Amino acid sequence: MTDFSSYLAARLAAGDTLDDALAQVRRLEGAHPVAAIKAISAATGVSLGEAKRIFDASPSWRQEVLANRALHGESITALLRNSES
């Protein structure tokens, strides 16, 4: 299993911007949103909440962010419908 935090930290230390480093993480086998968010937090020292905000703004993870938002919205709608029944 890839250590995404170490990889991200190494890319940042090599001079990559955070966006470029996140694009590289996305290309790694096994990379997924939760792993990327944890890696951002560990590599930069920010909170998980701030790491999620950084992740959500990342152009390289845009597809996943939009898909997760759509799924979240559908889940809320379904829960509300079920609670009204």
PDB file of N, CA and C in Angstrom:
ATOM      1  N   MET A   1       0.841  -1.181   0.000  1.00  0.00           N
ATOM      2  CA  MET A   1       0.000   0.000   0.000  1.00  0.00           C
ATOM      3  C   MET A   1       0.888   1.246   0.000  1.00  0.00           C
ATOM      4  N   THR A   2       0.509   2.222  -0.791  1.00  0.00           N
ATOM      5  CA  THR A   2       1.285   3.444  -0.915  1.00  0.00           C
ATOM      6  C   THR A   2       1.082   4.341   0.298  1.00  0.00           C
ATOM      7  N   ASP A   3       2.160   4.937   0.756  1.00  0.00           N
ATOM      8  CA  ASP A   3       2.091   5.922   1.833  1.00  0.00           C
ATOM      9  C   ASP A   3       1.883   7.280   1.172  1.00  0.00           C
ATOM     10  N   PHE A   4       0.632   7.647   0.997  1.00  0.00           N
ATOM     11  CA  PHE A   4       0.289   8.875   0.289  1.00  0.00           C
ATOM     12  C   PHE A   4       0.824  10.115   0.998  1.00  0.00           C
ATOM     13  N   SER A   5       0.843  10.101   2.320  1.00  0.00           N
ATOM     14  CA  SER A   5       1.341  11.250   3.086  1.00  0.00           C
ATOM     15  C   SER A   5       2.811  11.499   2.795  1.00  0.00           C
ATOM     16  N   SER A   6       3.614  10.454   2.846  1.00  0.00           N
ATOM     17  CA  SER A   6       5.051  10.594   2.559  1.00  0.00           C
ATOM     18  C   SER A   6       5.279  11.010   1.120  1.00  0.00           C
ATOM     19  N   TYR A   7       4.520  10.426   0.221  1.00  0.00           N
ATOM     20  CA  TYR A   7       4.654  10.767  -1.193  1.00  0.00           C
ATOM     21  C   TYR A   7       4.327  12.241  -1.408  1.00  0.00           C
ATOM     22  N   LEU A   8       3.210  12.705  -0.833  1.00  0.00           N
ATOM     23  CA  LEU A   8       2.805  14.103  -0.976  1.00  0.00           C
ATOM     24  C   LEU A   8       3.857  15.022  -0.363  1.00  0.00           C
ATOM     25  N   ALA A   9       4.331  14.689   0.815  1.00  0.00           N
ATOM     26  CA  ALA A   9       5.359  15.497   1.474  1.00  0.00           C
ATOM     27  C   ALA A   9       6.624  15.569   0.622  1.00  0.00           C
ATOM     28  N   ALA A  10       7.018  14.459   0.011  1.00  0.00           N
ATOM     29  CA  ALA A  10       8.208  14.437  -0.839  1.00  0.00           C
ATOM     30  C   ALA A  10       8.022  15.308  -2.075  1.00  0.00           C
ATOM     31  N   ARG A  11       6.829  15.263  -2.673  1.00  0.00           N
ATOM     32  CA  ARG A  11       6.550  16.090  -3.853  1.00  0.00           C
ATOM     33  C   ARG A  11       6.606  17.571  -3.480  1.00  0.00           C
ATOM     34  N   LEU A  12       6.046  17.911  -2.311  1.00  0.00           N
ATOM     35  CA  LEU A  12       6.082  19.306  -1.865  1.00  0.00           C
ATOM     36  C   LEU A  12       7.517  19.742  -1.580  1.00  0.00           C
ATOM     37  N   ALA A  13       8.294  18.860  -0.949  1.00  0.00           N
ATOM     38  CA  ALA A  13       9.693  19.162  -0.657  1.00  0.00           C
ATOM     39  C   ALA A  13      10.514  19.327  -1.935  1.00  0.00           C
ATOM     40  N   ALA A  14      10.103  18.640  -2.997  1.00  0.00           N
ATOM     41  CA  ALA A  14      10.804  18.731  -4.281  1.00  0.00           C
ATOM     42  C   ALA A  14      10.444  20.009  -5.034  1.00  0.00           C
ATOM     43  N   GLY A  15       9.489  20.775  -4.487  1.00  0.00           N
ATOM     44  CA  GLY A  15       9.138  22.048  -5.103  1.00  0.00           C
ATOM     45  C   GLY A  15       7.828  22.072  -5.857  1.00  0.00           C
ATOM     46  N   ASP A  16       7.105  20.943  -5.875  1.00  0.00           N
ATOM     47  CA  ASP A  16       5.796  20.938  -6.526  1.00  0.00           C
ATOM     48  C   ASP A  16       4.830  21.830  -5.759  1.00  0.00           C
ATOM     49  N   THR A  17       3.913  22.456  -6.480  1.00  0.00           N
ATOM     50  CA  THR A  17       2.823  23.151  -5.802  1.00  0.00           C
ATOM     51  C   THR A  17       1.908  22.093  -5.206  1.00  0.00           C
ATOM     52  N   LEU A  18       1.067  22.487  -4.281  1.00  0.00           N
ATOM     53  CA  LEU A  18       0.143  21.530  -3.676  1.00  0.00           C
ATOM     54  C   LEU A  18      -0.778  20.947  -4.740  1.00  0.00           C
ATOM     55  N   ASP A  19      -1.260  21.777  -5.665  1.00  0.00           N
ATOM     56  CA  ASP A  19      -2.130  21.266  -6.728  1.00  0.00           C
ATOM     57  C   ASP A  19      -1.412  20.244  -7.602  1.00  0.00           C
ATOM     58  N   ASP A  20      -0.157  20.534  -7.966  1.00  0.00           N
ATOM     59  CA  ASP A  20       0.604  19.582  -8.775  1.00  0.00           C
ATOM     60  C   ASP A  20       0.866  18.285  -8.011  1.00  0.00           C
ATOM     61  N   ALA A  21       1.197  18.409  -6.731  1.00  0.00           N
ATOM     62  CA  ALA A  21       1.460  17.228  -5.910  1.00  0.00           C
ATOM     63  C   ALA A  21       0.188  16.386  -5.763  1.00  0.00           C
ATOM     64  N   LEU A  22      -0.962  17.028  -5.589  1.00  0.00           N
ATOM     65  CA  LEU A  22      -2.228  16.296  -5.479  1.00  0.00           C
ATOM     66  C   LEU A  22      -2.573  15.598  -6.793  1.00  0.00           C
ATOM     67  N   ALA A  23      -2.231  16.220  -7.906  1.00  0.00           N
ATOM     68  CA  ALA A  23      -2.453  15.568  -9.201  1.00  0.00           C
ATOM     69  C   ALA A  23      -1.614  14.303  -9.300  1.00  0.00           C
ATOM     70  N   GLN A  24      -0.401  14.341  -8.777  1.00  0.00           N
ATOM     71  CA  GLN A  24       0.458  13.156  -8.779  1.00  0.00           C
ATOM     72  C   GLN A  24      -0.097  12.070  -7.857  1.00  0.00           C
ATOM     73  N   VAL A  25      -0.592  12.467  -6.695  1.00  0.00           N
ATOM     74  CA  VAL A  25      -1.196  11.499  -5.762  1.00  0.00           C
ATOM     75  C   VAL A  25      -2.379  10.810  -6.430  1.00  0.00           C
ATOM     76  N   ARG A  26      -3.182  11.572  -7.149  1.00  0.00           N
ATOM     77  CA  ARG A  26      -4.377  11.020  -7.791  1.00  0.00           C
ATOM     78  C   ARG A  26      -4.013   9.901  -8.763  1.00  0.00           C
ATOM     79  N   ARG A  27      -2.859   9.980  -9.364  1.00  0.00           N
ATOM     80  CA  ARG A  27      -2.429   8.973 -10.349  1.00  0.00           C
ATOM     81  C   ARG A  27      -1.914   7.685  -9.709  1.00  0.00           C
ATOM     82  N   LEU A  28      -1.703   7.701  -8.412  1.00  0.00           N
ATOM     83  CA  LEU A  28      -1.156   6.520  -7.737  1.00  0.00           C
ATOM     84  C   LEU A  28      -2.229   5.452  -7.561  1.00  0.00           C
ATOM     85  N   GLU A  29      -1.807   4.209  -7.662  1.00  0.00           N
ATOM     86  CA  GLU A  29      -2.730   3.097  -7.454  1.00  0.00           C
ATOM     87  C   GLU A  29      -3.252   3.134  -6.019  1.00  0.00           C
ATOM     88  N   GLY A  30      -4.542   2.985  -5.875  1.00  0.00           N
ATOM     89  CA  GLY A  30      -5.160   2.957  -4.556  1.00  0.00           C
ATOM     90  C   GLY A  30      -5.534   4.323  -4.007  1.00  0.00           C
ATOM     91  N   ALA A  31      -5.221   5.374  -4.748  1.00  0.00           N
ATOM     92  CA  ALA A  31      -5.558   6.719  -4.274  1.00  0.00           C
ATOM     93  C   ALA A  31      -7.072   6.903  -4.304  1.00  0.00           C
ATOM     94  N   HIS A  32      -7.604   7.457  -3.237  1.00  0.00           N
ATOM     95  CA  HIS A  32      -9.026   7.757  -3.149  1.00  0.00           C
ATOM     96  C   HIS A  32      -9.177   9.005  -2.282  1.00  0.00           C
ATOM     97  N   PRO A  33     -10.344   9.633  -2.292  1.00  0.00           N
ATOM     98  CA  PRO A  33     -10.506  10.905  -1.583  1.00  0.00           C
ATOM     99  C   PRO A  33     -10.090  10.893  -0.114  1.00  0.00           C
ATOM    100  N   VAL A  34     -10.472   9.898   0.628  1.00  0.00           N
ATOM    101  CA  VAL A  34     -10.136   9.866   2.059  1.00  0.00           C
ATOM    102  C   VAL A  34      -8.626   9.803   2.251  1.00  0.00           C
ATOM    103  N   ALA A  35      -7.954   8.981   1.455  1.00  0.00           N
ATOM    104  CA  ALA A  35      -6.494   8.879   1.549  1.00  0.00           C
ATOM    105  C   ALA A  35      -5.834  10.211   1.199  1.00  0.00           C
ATOM    106  N   ALA A  36      -6.356  10.883   0.190  1.00  0.00           N
ATOM    107  CA  ALA A  36      -5.795  12.172  -0.212  1.00  0.00           C
ATOM    108  C   ALA A  36      -5.989  13.217   0.877  1.00  0.00           C
ATOM    109  N   ILE A  37      -7.150  13.239   1.492  1.00  0.00           N
ATOM    110  CA  ILE A  37      -7.430  14.209   2.559  1.00  0.00           C
ATOM    111  C   ILE A  37      -6.511  13.954   3.756  1.00  0.00           C
ATOM    112  N   LYS A  38      -6.358  12.699   4.133  1.00  0.00           N
ATOM    113  CA  LYS A  38      -5.451  12.367   5.242  1.00  0.00           C
ATOM    114  C   LYS A  38      -4.015  12.746   4.894  1.00  0.00           C
ATOM    115  N   ALA A  39      -3.620  12.523   3.639  1.00  0.00           N
ATOM    116  CA  ALA A  39      -2.265  12.865   3.211  1.00  0.00           C
ATOM    117  C   ALA A  39      -2.034  14.370   3.266  1.00  0.00           C
ATOM    118  N   ILE A  40      -3.018  15.144   2.842  1.00  0.00           N
ATOM    119  CA  ILE A  40      -2.903  16.602   2.914  1.00  0.00           C
ATOM    120  C   ILE A  40      -2.697  17.034   4.352  1.00  0.00           C
ATOM    121  N   SER A  41      -3.508  16.503   5.242  1.00  0.00           N
ATOM    122  CA  SER A  41      -3.405  16.856   6.656  1.00  0.00           C
ATOM    123  C   SER A  41      -2.035  16.505   7.221  1.00  0.00           C
ATOM    124  N   ALA A  42      -1.589  15.285   6.966  1.00  0.00           N
ATOM    125  CA  ALA A  42      -0.310  14.826   7.510  1.00  0.00           C
ATOM    126  C   ALA A  42       0.883  15.568   6.901  1.00  0.00           C
ATOM    127  N   ALA A  43       0.839  15.809   5.596  1.00  0.00           N
ATOM    128  CA  ALA A  43       1.982  16.416   4.911  1.00  0.00           C
ATOM    129  C   ALA A  43       2.098  17.917   5.158  1.00  0.00           C
ATOM    130  N   THR A  44       0.969  18.557   5.431  1.00  0.00           N
ATOM    131  CA  THR A  44       0.999  20.018   5.588  1.00  0.00           C
ATOM    132  C   THR A  44       0.772  20.477   7.019  1.00  0.00           C
ATOM    133  N   GLY A  45       0.293  19.572   7.873  1.00  0.00           N
ATOM    134  CA  GLY A  45       0.062  19.926   9.269  1.00  0.00           C
ATOM    135  C   GLY A  45      -1.251  20.650   9.528  1.00  0.00           C
ATOM    136  N   VAL A  46      -2.135  20.671   8.542  1.00  0.00           N
ATOM    137  CA  VAL A  46      -3.435  21.312   8.750  1.00  0.00           C
ATOM    138  C   VAL A  46      -4.421  20.299   9.329  1.00  0.00           C
ATOM    139  N   SER A  47      -5.525  20.808   9.853  1.00  0.00           N
ATOM    140  CA  SER A  47      -6.566  19.930  10.395  1.00  0.00           C
ATOM    141  C   SER A  47      -7.218  19.140   9.263  1.00  0.00           C
ATOM    142  N   LEU A  48      -7.927  18.077   9.629  1.00  0.00           N
ATOM    143  CA  LEU A  48      -8.642  17.301   8.615  1.00  0.00           C
ATOM    144  C   LEU A  48      -9.713  18.143   7.930  1.00  0.00           C
ATOM    145  N   GLY A  49     -10.357  19.028   8.679  1.00  0.00           N
ATOM    146  CA  GLY A  49     -11.359  19.907   8.085  1.00  0.00           C
ATOM    147  C   GLY A  49     -10.748  20.818   7.034  1.00  0.00           C
ATOM    148  N   GLU A  50      -9.607  21.410   7.347  1.00  0.00           N
ATOM    149  CA  GLU A  50      -8.922  22.264   6.387  1.00  0.00           C
ATOM    150  C   GLU A  50      -8.402  21.439   5.212  1.00  0.00           C
ATOM    151  N   ALA A  51      -7.922  20.238   5.485  1.00  0.00           N
ATOM    152  CA  ALA A  51      -7.450  19.354   4.418  1.00  0.00           C
ATOM    153  C   ALA A  51      -8.590  19.018   3.459  1.00  0.00           C
ATOM    154  N   LYS A  52      -9.787  18.814   3.991  1.00  0.00           N
ATOM    155  CA  LYS A  52     -10.942  18.531   3.131  1.00  0.00           C
ATOM    156  C   LYS A  52     -11.270  19.745   2.267  1.00  0.00           C
ATOM    157  N   ARG A  53     -11.185  20.951   2.836  1.00  0.00           N
ATOM    158  CA  ARG A  53     -11.438  22.157   2.044  1.00  0.00           C
ATOM    159  C   ARG A  53     -10.406  22.290   0.916  1.00  0.00           C
ATOM    160  N   ILE A  54      -9.147  21.986   1.219  1.00  0.00           N
ATOM    161  CA  ILE A  54      -8.099  22.017   0.194  1.00  0.00           C
ATOM    162  C   ILE A  54      -8.397  20.986  -0.882  1.00  0.00           C
ATOM    163  N   PHE A  55      -8.753  19.783  -0.453  1.00  0.00           N
ATOM    164  CA  PHE A  55      -9.095  18.704  -1.385  1.00  0.00           C
ATOM    165  C   PHE A  55     -10.261  19.119  -2.282  1.00  0.00           C
ATOM    166  N   ASP A  56     -11.307  19.668  -1.678  1.00  0.00           N
ATOM    167  CA  ASP A  56     -12.498  20.072  -2.442  1.00  0.00           C
ATOM    168  C   ASP A  56     -12.176  21.124  -3.504  1.00  0.00           C
ATOM    169  N   ALA A  57     -11.148  21.927  -3.263  1.00  0.00           N
ATOM    170  CA  ALA A  57     -10.759  22.979  -4.214  1.00  0.00           C
ATOM    171  C   ALA A  57      -9.751  22.493  -5.258  1.00  0.00           C
ATOM    172  N   SER A  58      -9.280  21.267  -5.118  1.00  0.00           N
ATOM    173  CA  SER A  58      -8.241  20.751  -6.012  1.00  0.00           C
ATOM    174  C   SER A  58      -8.798  20.443  -7.398  1.00  0.00           C
ATOM    175  N   PRO A  59      -8.246  21.069  -8.432  1.00  0.00           N
ATOM    176  CA  PRO A  59      -8.721  20.786  -9.794  1.00  0.00           C
ATOM    177  C   PRO A  59      -8.536  19.322 -10.197  1.00  0.00           C
ATOM    178  N   SER A  60      -7.493  18.684  -9.724  1.00  0.00           N
ATOM    179  CA  SER A  60      -7.233  17.305 -10.147  1.00  0.00           C
ATOM    180  C   SER A  60      -8.204  16.298  -9.540  1.00  0.00           C
ATOM    181  N   TRP A  61      -8.873  16.659  -8.470  1.00  0.00           N
ATOM    182  CA  TRP A  61      -9.844  15.767  -7.837  1.00  0.00           C
ATOM    183  C   TRP A  61     -11.281  16.239  -8.081  1.00  0.00           C
ATOM    184  N   ARG A  62     -11.475  17.158  -9.003  1.00  0.00           N
ATOM    185  CA  ARG A  62     -12.778  17.782  -9.237  1.00  0.00           C
ATOM    186  C   ARG A  62     -13.879  16.751  -9.514  1.00  0.00           C
ATOM    187  N   GLN A  63     -13.588  15.756 -10.360  1.00  0.00           N
ATOM    188  CA  GLN A  63     -14.607  14.750 -10.691  1.00  0.00           C
ATOM    189  C   GLN A  63     -15.111  14.032  -9.442  1.00  0.00           C
ATOM    190  N   GLU A  64     -14.202  13.637  -8.575  1.00  0.00           N
ATOM    191  CA  GLU A  64     -14.580  12.931  -7.357  1.00  0.00           C
ATOM    192  C   GLU A  64     -15.378  13.831  -6.426  1.00  0.00           C
ATOM    193  N   VAL A  65     -14.967  15.087  -6.335  1.00  0.00           N
ATOM    194  CA  VAL A  65     -15.684  16.036  -5.466  1.00  0.00           C
ATOM    195  C   VAL A  65     -17.118  16.196  -5.952  1.00  0.00           C
ATOM    196  N   LEU A  66     -17.298  16.397  -7.251  1.00  0.00           N
ATOM    197  CA  LEU A  66     -18.647  16.563  -7.798  1.00  0.00           C
ATOM    198  C   LEU A  66     -19.482  15.304  -7.624  1.00  0.00           C
ATOM    199  N   ALA A  67     -18.883  14.141  -7.843  1.00  0.00           N
ATOM    200  CA  ALA A  67     -19.610  12.880  -7.673  1.00  0.00           C
ATOM    201  C   ALA A  67     -20.033  12.693  -6.216  1.00  0.00           C
ATOM    202  N   ASN A  68     -19.135  13.030  -5.295  1.00  0.00           N
ATOM    203  CA  ASN A  68     -19.465  12.889  -3.875  1.00  0.00           C
ATOM    204  C   ASN A  68     -20.558  13.856  -3.459  1.00  0.00           C
ATOM    205  N   ARG A  69     -20.535  15.070  -3.996  1.00  0.00           N
ATOM    206  CA  ARG A  69     -21.596  16.044  -3.681  1.00  0.00           C
ATOM    207  C   ARG A  69     -22.939  15.543  -4.172  1.00  0.00           C
ATOM    208  N   ALA A  70     -22.952  14.994  -5.400  1.00  0.00           N
ATOM    209  CA  ALA A  70     -24.200  14.473  -5.951  1.00  0.00           C
ATOM    210  C   ALA A  70     -24.723  13.321  -5.098  1.00  0.00           C
ATOM    211  N   LEU A  71     -23.840  12.409  -4.720  1.00  0.00           N
ATOM    212  CA  LEU A  71     -24.232  11.279  -3.874  1.00  0.00           C
ATOM    213  C   LEU A  71     -24.738  11.764  -2.527  1.00  0.00           C
ATOM    214  N   HIS A  72     -24.069  12.740  -1.951  1.00  0.00           N
ATOM    215  CA  HIS A  72     -24.488  13.293  -0.659  1.00  0.00           C
ATOM    216  C   HIS A  72     -25.890  13.887  -0.784  1.00  0.00           C
ATOM    217  N   GLY A  73     -26.120  14.648  -1.839  1.00  0.00           N
ATOM    218  CA  GLY A  73     -27.439  15.246  -2.050  1.00  0.00           C
ATOM    219  C   GLY A  73     -28.527  14.208  -2.216  1.00  0.00           C
ATOM    220  N   GLU A  74     -28.230  13.157  -2.970  1.00  0.00           N
ATOM    221  CA  GLU A  74     -29.201  12.079  -3.173  1.00  0.00           C
ATOM    222  C   GLU A  74     -29.479  11.352  -1.859  1.00  0.00           C
ATOM    223  N   SER A  75     -28.469  11.164  -1.050  1.00  0.00           N
ATOM    224  CA  SER A  75     -28.629  10.488   0.239  1.00  0.00           C
ATOM    225  C   SER A  75     -29.519  11.304   1.166  1.00  0.00           C
ATOM    226  N   ILE A  76     -29.283  12.594   1.218  1.00  0.00           N
ATOM    227  CA  ILE A  76     -30.102  13.469   2.070  1.00  0.00           C
ATOM    228  C   ILE A  76     -31.551  13.441   1.607  1.00  0.00           C
ATOM    229  N   THR A  77     -31.766  13.534   0.299  1.00  0.00           N
ATOM    230  CA  THR A  77     -33.125  13.496  -0.251  1.00  0.00           C
ATOM    231  C   THR A  77     -33.822  12.196   0.116  1.00  0.00           C
ATOM    232  N   ALA A  78     -33.123  11.071  -0.026  1.00  0.00           N
ATOM    233  CA  ALA A  78     -33.710   9.769   0.301  1.00  0.00           C
ATOM    234  C   ALA A  78     -34.030   9.674   1.787  1.00  0.00           C
ATOM    235  N   LEU A  79     -33.138  10.160   2.630  1.00  0.00           N
ATOM    236  CA  LEU A  79     -33.388  10.126   4.070  1.00  0.00           C
ATOM    237  C   LEU A  79     -34.580  10.977   4.454  1.00  0.00           C
ATOM    238  N   LEU A  80     -34.694  12.131   3.845  1.00  0.00           N
ATOM    239  CA  LEU A  80     -35.837  13.004   4.136  1.00  0.00           C
ATOM    240  C   LEU A  80     -37.141  12.375   3.686  1.00  0.00           C
ATOM    241  N   ARG A  81     -37.122  11.743   2.512  1.00  0.00           N
ATOM    242  CA  ARG A  81     -38.319  11.067   2.021  1.00  0.00           C
ATOM    243  C   ARG A  81     -38.722   9.940   2.972  1.00  0.00           C
ATOM    244  N   ASN A  82     -37.761   9.168   3.446  1.00  0.00           N
ATOM    245  CA  ASN A  82     -38.046   8.057   4.348  1.00  0.00           C
ATOM    246  C   ASN A  82     -38.550   8.539   5.698  1.00  0.00           C
ATOM    247  N   SER A  83     -38.054   9.677   6.159  1.00  0.00           N
ATOM    248  CA  SER A  83     -38.482  10.166   7.465  1.00  0.00           C
ATOM    249  C   SER A  83     -39.890  10.746   7.417  1.00  0.00           C
ATOM    250  N   GLU A  84     -40.342  11.136   6.237  1.00  0.00           N
ATOM    251  CA  GLU A  84     -41.690  11.691   6.083  1.00  0.00           C
ATOM    252  C   GLU A  84     -42.732  10.587   5.937  1.00  0.00           C
ATOM    253  N   SER A  85     -42.283   9.375   5.654  1.00  0.00           N
ATOM    254  CA  SER A  85     -43.215   8.248   5.436  1.00  0.00           C
ATOM    255  C   SER A  85     -43.772   7.736   6.720  1.00  0.00           C
TER     256      SER A  85
END
